[in-house]
Amino acid sequence: MRFSTPSATLAFIATFASAAPSNAIRQVAGNIYPCTDSTFPVGSPCPYGISRGSGFCAALSVEPGVCYNWASFPAEDIAPLINNLTFVEIPLVQGGIYGCDIYFNDDCTGESGTIQVGQNDFSCPGLGPQKFNDKVASFNCYLG
């Protein structure tokens, strides 16, 4: 693909990067990317396609072995996710988070589920623990 001017190239890159948050290239060890919704490519519905985060998405910096709940983050950064978490992307980054245990309780106790590197979609069978859709209260992440 060729562009007529350098500014056209920059505009294309900016549009691409902002259009689909979970499609952007991620290179930050320790970040996870939760979203309120998910989408699938046209012609590849659940569970055949690879879902992507949509709606409101956040970039949360987390440390392994620490229990986080929604009160652990500034409200303006995560408010739409509370009782509305459907999708979490954990990027494959050397030295980064490999997975997280997720909980219904806000203190990382009780019944748990597990999500790992890649796209975790709680709304689609086989792509994430469905019973946690819109019900994650806390999580504790770990290295691979």
C-alpha atoms as a PDB file:
ATOM      1  CA  MET A   1       0.000   0.000   0.000  1.00  0.00           C
ATOM      2  CA  ARG A   2       1.417   3.370  -1.014  1.00  0.00           C
ATOM      3  CA  PHE A   3       0.454   6.774   0.289  1.00  0.00           C
ATOM      4  CA  SER A   4       0.900  10.052  -1.493  1.00  0.00           C
ATOM      5  CA  THR A   5       2.358  11.926   1.467  1.00  0.00           C
ATOM      6  CA  PRO A   6       4.040  11.084   4.753  1.00  0.00           C
ATOM      7  CA  SER A   7       1.110  12.671   6.610  1.00  0.00           C
ATOM      8  CA  ALA A   8      -1.314  10.313   4.837  1.00  0.00           C
ATOM      9  CA  THR A   9       0.771   7.383   6.046  1.00  0.00           C
ATOM     10  CA  LEU A  10       0.730   8.726   9.604  1.00  0.00           C
ATOM     11  CA  ALA A  11      -3.041   9.270   9.471  1.00  0.00           C
ATOM     12  CA  PHE A  12      -3.562   5.687   8.325  1.00  0.00           C
ATOM     13  CA  ILE A  13      -1.415   4.322  11.160  1.00  0.00           C
ATOM     14  CA  ALA A  14      -3.186   6.466  13.767  1.00  0.00           C
ATOM     15  CA  THR A  15      -6.600   5.385  12.486  1.00  0.00           C
ATOM     16  CA  PHE A  16      -5.627   1.717  12.475  1.00  0.00           C
ATOM     17  CA  ALA A  17      -4.169   1.857  15.976  1.00  0.00           C
ATOM     18  CA  SER A  18      -7.202   3.593  17.457  1.00  0.00           C
ATOM     19  CA  ALA A  19      -9.883   1.633  15.596  1.00  0.00           C
ATOM     20  CA  ALA A  20      -9.472  -1.692  17.397  1.00  0.00           C
ATOM     21  CA  PRO A  21      -7.750  -1.541  20.771  1.00  0.00           C
ATOM     22  CA  SER A  22      -6.970  -5.228  21.064  1.00  0.00           C
ATOM     23  CA  ASN A  23      -5.484  -5.376  17.558  1.00  0.00           C
ATOM     24  CA  ALA A  24      -2.797  -2.818  18.369  1.00  0.00           C
ATOM     25  CA  ILE A  25       0.742  -4.078  18.841  1.00  0.00           C
ATOM     26  CA  ARG A  26       1.498  -4.512  22.523  1.00  0.00           C
ATOM     27  CA  GLN A  27       4.995  -4.730  23.934  1.00  0.00           C
ATOM     28  CA  VAL A  28       4.458  -3.876  27.596  1.00  0.00           C
ATOM     29  CA  ALA A  29       5.333  -6.626  30.061  1.00  0.00           C
ATOM     30  CA  GLY A  30       2.798  -6.582  32.886  1.00  0.00           C
ATOM     31  CA  ASN A  31      -0.142  -5.090  30.995  1.00  0.00           C
ATOM     32  CA  ILE A  32      -3.496  -6.750  30.469  1.00  0.00           C
ATOM     33  CA  TYR A  33      -6.259  -5.306  28.291  1.00  0.00           C
ATOM     34  CA  PRO A  34      -9.830  -5.789  29.588  1.00  0.00           C
ATOM     35  CA  CYS A  35     -12.845  -4.692  27.517  1.00  0.00           C
ATOM     36  CA  THR A  36     -16.593  -4.424  28.014  1.00  0.00           C
ATOM     37  CA  ASP A  37     -17.404  -6.196  24.734  1.00  0.00           C
ATOM     38  CA  SER A  38     -15.971  -8.383  21.999  1.00  0.00           C
ATOM     39  CA  THR A  39     -16.353  -8.654  18.247  1.00  0.00           C
ATOM     40  CA  PHE A  40     -15.619 -11.346  15.692  1.00  0.00           C
ATOM     41  CA  PRO A  41     -14.465 -11.021  12.079  1.00  0.00           C
ATOM     42  CA  VAL A  42     -17.224 -11.071   9.451  1.00  0.00           C
ATOM     43  CA  GLY A  43     -17.825 -14.664   8.417  1.00  0.00           C
ATOM     44  CA  SER A  44     -16.067 -16.103  11.492  1.00  0.00           C
ATOM     45  CA  PRO A  45     -18.589 -16.015  14.331  1.00  0.00           C
ATOM     46  CA  CYS A  46     -18.148 -17.429  17.814  1.00  0.00           C
ATOM     47  CA  PRO A  47     -16.514 -19.871  18.400  1.00  0.00           C
ATOM     48  CA  TYR A  48     -14.760 -20.144  15.019  1.00  0.00           C
ATOM     49  CA  GLY A  49     -13.148 -16.730  14.725  1.00  0.00           C
ATOM     50  CA  ILE A  50     -10.659 -14.969  16.944  1.00  0.00           C
ATOM     51  CA  SER A  51     -12.486 -12.393  18.999  1.00  0.00           C
ATOM     52  CA  ARG A  52     -11.172  -8.901  19.645  1.00  0.00           C
ATOM     53  CA  GLY A  53     -11.894  -6.495  22.452  1.00  0.00           C
ATOM     54  CA  SER A  54     -14.373  -3.720  21.750  1.00  0.00           C
ATOM     55  CA  GLY A  55     -16.495  -1.200  23.578  1.00  0.00           C
ATOM     56  CA  PHE A  56     -14.587   0.372  26.457  1.00  0.00           C
ATOM     57  CA  CYS A  57     -11.067  -1.062  26.822  1.00  0.00           C
ATOM     58  CA  ALA A  58      -8.356  -0.267  29.355  1.00  0.00           C
ATOM     59  CA  ALA A  59      -4.636  -0.973  29.665  1.00  0.00           C
ATOM     60  CA  LEU A  60      -4.011  -2.154  33.216  1.00  0.00           C
ATOM     61  CA  SER A  61      -0.486  -2.521  34.549  1.00  0.00           C
ATOM     62  CA  VAL A  62      -0.359  -5.442  36.988  1.00  0.00           C
ATOM     63  CA  GLU A  63       2.309  -7.204  39.032  1.00  0.00           C
ATOM     64  CA  PRO A  64       2.348 -11.001  39.342  1.00  0.00           C
ATOM     65  CA  GLY A  65       1.134 -12.415  42.644  1.00  0.00           C
ATOM     66  CA  VAL A  66      -0.880  -9.330  43.655  1.00  0.00           C
ATOM     67  CA  CYS A  67      -4.640  -9.478  44.183  1.00  0.00           C
ATOM     68  CA  TYR A  68      -6.383  -6.658  42.301  1.00  0.00           C
ATOM     69  CA  ASN A  69     -10.012  -5.603  42.432  1.00  0.00           C
ATOM     70  CA  TRP A  70     -11.687  -2.673  40.725  1.00  0.00           C
ATOM     71  CA  ALA A  71     -10.873  -0.373  43.673  1.00  0.00           C
ATOM     72  CA  SER A  72      -7.157  -0.972  42.927  1.00  0.00           C
ATOM     73  CA  PHE A  73      -7.341   1.325  39.884  1.00  0.00           C
ATOM     74  CA  PRO A  74      -8.446   4.946  39.388  1.00  0.00           C
ATOM     75  CA  ALA A  75     -12.216   4.952  38.836  1.00  0.00           C
ATOM     76  CA  GLU A  76     -11.964   7.004  35.638  1.00  0.00           C
ATOM     77  CA  ASP A  77      -9.724   4.305  34.120  1.00  0.00           C
ATOM     78  CA  ILE A  78     -11.995   1.327  34.793  1.00  0.00           C
ATOM     79  CA  ALA A  79     -15.540   2.455  35.703  1.00  0.00           C
ATOM     80  CA  PRO A  80     -17.259   0.975  32.595  1.00  0.00           C
ATOM     81  CA  LEU A  81     -15.634  -2.425  33.298  1.00  0.00           C
ATOM     82  CA  ILE A  82     -17.205  -2.904  36.745  1.00  0.00           C
ATOM     83  CA  ASN A  83     -19.871  -5.640  36.428  1.00  0.00           C
ATOM     84  CA  ASN A  84     -19.388  -5.399  32.654  1.00  0.00           C
ATOM     85  CA  LEU A  85     -16.171  -7.302  31.831  1.00  0.00           C
ATOM     86  CA  THR A  86     -16.548  -9.545  28.774  1.00  0.00           C
ATOM     87  CA  PHE A  87     -13.081  -9.768  27.228  1.00  0.00           C
ATOM     88  CA  VAL A  88      -9.433  -9.722  28.394  1.00  0.00           C
ATOM     89  CA  GLU A  89      -6.398  -9.818  26.151  1.00  0.00           C
ATOM     90  CA  ILE A  90      -3.094 -10.869  27.685  1.00  0.00           C
ATOM     91  CA  PRO A  91      -0.350 -10.204  25.129  1.00  0.00           C
ATOM     92  CA  LEU A  92       2.496 -12.642  24.645  1.00  0.00           C
ATOM     93  CA  VAL A  93       5.479 -10.575  25.758  1.00  0.00           C
ATOM     94  CA  GLN A  94       8.764 -12.026  26.970  1.00  0.00           C
ATOM     95  CA  GLY A  95       8.856 -11.670  30.743  1.00  0.00           C
ATOM     96  CA  GLY A  96       5.217 -10.605  30.807  1.00  0.00           C
ATOM     97  CA  ILE A  97       2.076 -11.875  32.457  1.00  0.00           C
ATOM     98  CA  TYR A  98       1.128 -15.392  31.325  1.00  0.00           C
ATOM     99  CA  GLY A  99      -2.300 -15.687  32.910  1.00  0.00           C
ATOM    100  CA  CYS A 100      -4.632 -14.599  35.672  1.00  0.00           C
ATOM    101  CA  ASP A 101      -6.940 -16.325  38.107  1.00  0.00           C
ATOM    102  CA  ILE A 102     -10.261 -14.480  38.202  1.00  0.00           C
ATOM    103  CA  TYR A 103     -12.750 -14.437  41.073  1.00  0.00           C
ATOM    104  CA  PHE A 104     -16.349 -13.529  41.907  1.00  0.00           C
ATOM    105  CA  ASN A 105     -15.225 -12.103  45.286  1.00  0.00           C
ATOM    106  CA  ASP A 106     -13.259  -8.870  45.546  1.00  0.00           C
ATOM    107  CA  ASP A 107     -10.446 -10.405  47.652  1.00  0.00           C
ATOM    108  CA  CYS A 108      -9.224 -13.188  45.298  1.00  0.00           C
ATOM    109  CA  THR A 109     -10.907 -15.917  47.344  1.00  0.00           C
ATOM    110  CA  GLY A 110     -13.647 -18.400  46.616  1.00  0.00           C
ATOM    111  CA  GLU A 111     -14.530 -19.866  43.248  1.00  0.00           C
ATOM    112  CA  SER A 112     -12.047 -19.003  40.528  1.00  0.00           C
ATOM    113  CA  GLY A 113     -11.508 -19.311  36.806  1.00  0.00           C
ATOM    114  CA  THR A 114      -8.345 -19.022  34.738  1.00  0.00           C
ATOM    115  CA  ILE A 115      -7.460 -16.925  31.713  1.00  0.00           C
ATOM    116  CA  GLN A 116      -4.158 -17.091  29.828  1.00  0.00           C
ATOM    117  CA  VAL A 117      -2.090 -15.406  27.129  1.00  0.00           C
ATOM    118  CA  GLY A 118      -4.214 -14.483  24.130  1.00  0.00           C
ATOM    119  CA  GLN A 119      -7.828 -13.465  23.735  1.00  0.00           C
ATOM    120  CA  ASN A 120     -10.146 -14.492  26.568  1.00  0.00           C
ATOM    121  CA  ASP A 121     -13.785 -13.945  25.633  1.00  0.00           C
ATOM    122  CA  PHE A 122     -16.256 -14.718  28.422  1.00  0.00           C
ATOM    123  CA  SER A 123     -19.222 -14.432  26.045  1.00  0.00           C
ATOM    124  CA  CYS A 124     -18.193 -17.297  23.738  1.00  0.00           C
ATOM    125  CA  PRO A 125     -18.051 -21.006  24.668  1.00  0.00           C
ATOM    126  CA  GLY A 126     -14.502 -22.319  24.592  1.00  0.00           C
ATOM    127  CA  LEU A 127     -12.827 -18.903  24.489  1.00  0.00           C
ATOM    128  CA  GLY A 128     -13.120 -18.032  28.172  1.00  0.00           C
ATOM    129  CA  PRO A 129     -14.919 -19.037  31.373  1.00  0.00           C
ATOM    130  CA  GLN A 130     -18.489 -17.983  30.497  1.00  0.00           C
ATOM    131  CA  LYS A 131     -19.819 -18.003  34.040  1.00  0.00           C
ATOM    132  CA  PHE A 132     -17.539 -15.015  34.779  1.00  0.00           C
ATOM    133  CA  ASN A 133     -19.062 -12.841  32.029  1.00  0.00           C
ATOM    134  CA  ASP A 134     -19.856  -9.473  33.671  1.00  0.00           C
ATOM    135  CA  LYS A 135     -19.070 -10.954  37.127  1.00  0.00           C
ATOM    136  CA  VAL A 136     -15.295 -10.658  37.654  1.00  0.00           C
ATOM    137  CA  ALA A 137     -14.651  -8.857  40.958  1.00  0.00           C
ATOM    138  CA  SER A 138     -10.917  -9.524  41.427  1.00  0.00           C
ATOM    139  CA  PHE A 139      -7.925 -11.151  39.771  1.00  0.00           C
ATOM    140  CA  ASN A 140      -4.404 -12.321  40.538  1.00  0.00           C
ATOM    141  CA  CYS A 141      -1.982 -12.667  37.615  1.00  0.00           C
ATOM    142  CA  TYR A 142       1.124 -14.809  37.243  1.00  0.00           C
ATOM    143  CA  LEU A 143       4.181 -15.268  35.053  1.00  0.00           C
ATOM    144  CA  GLY A 144       4.605 -18.241  32.694  1.00  0.00           C
END
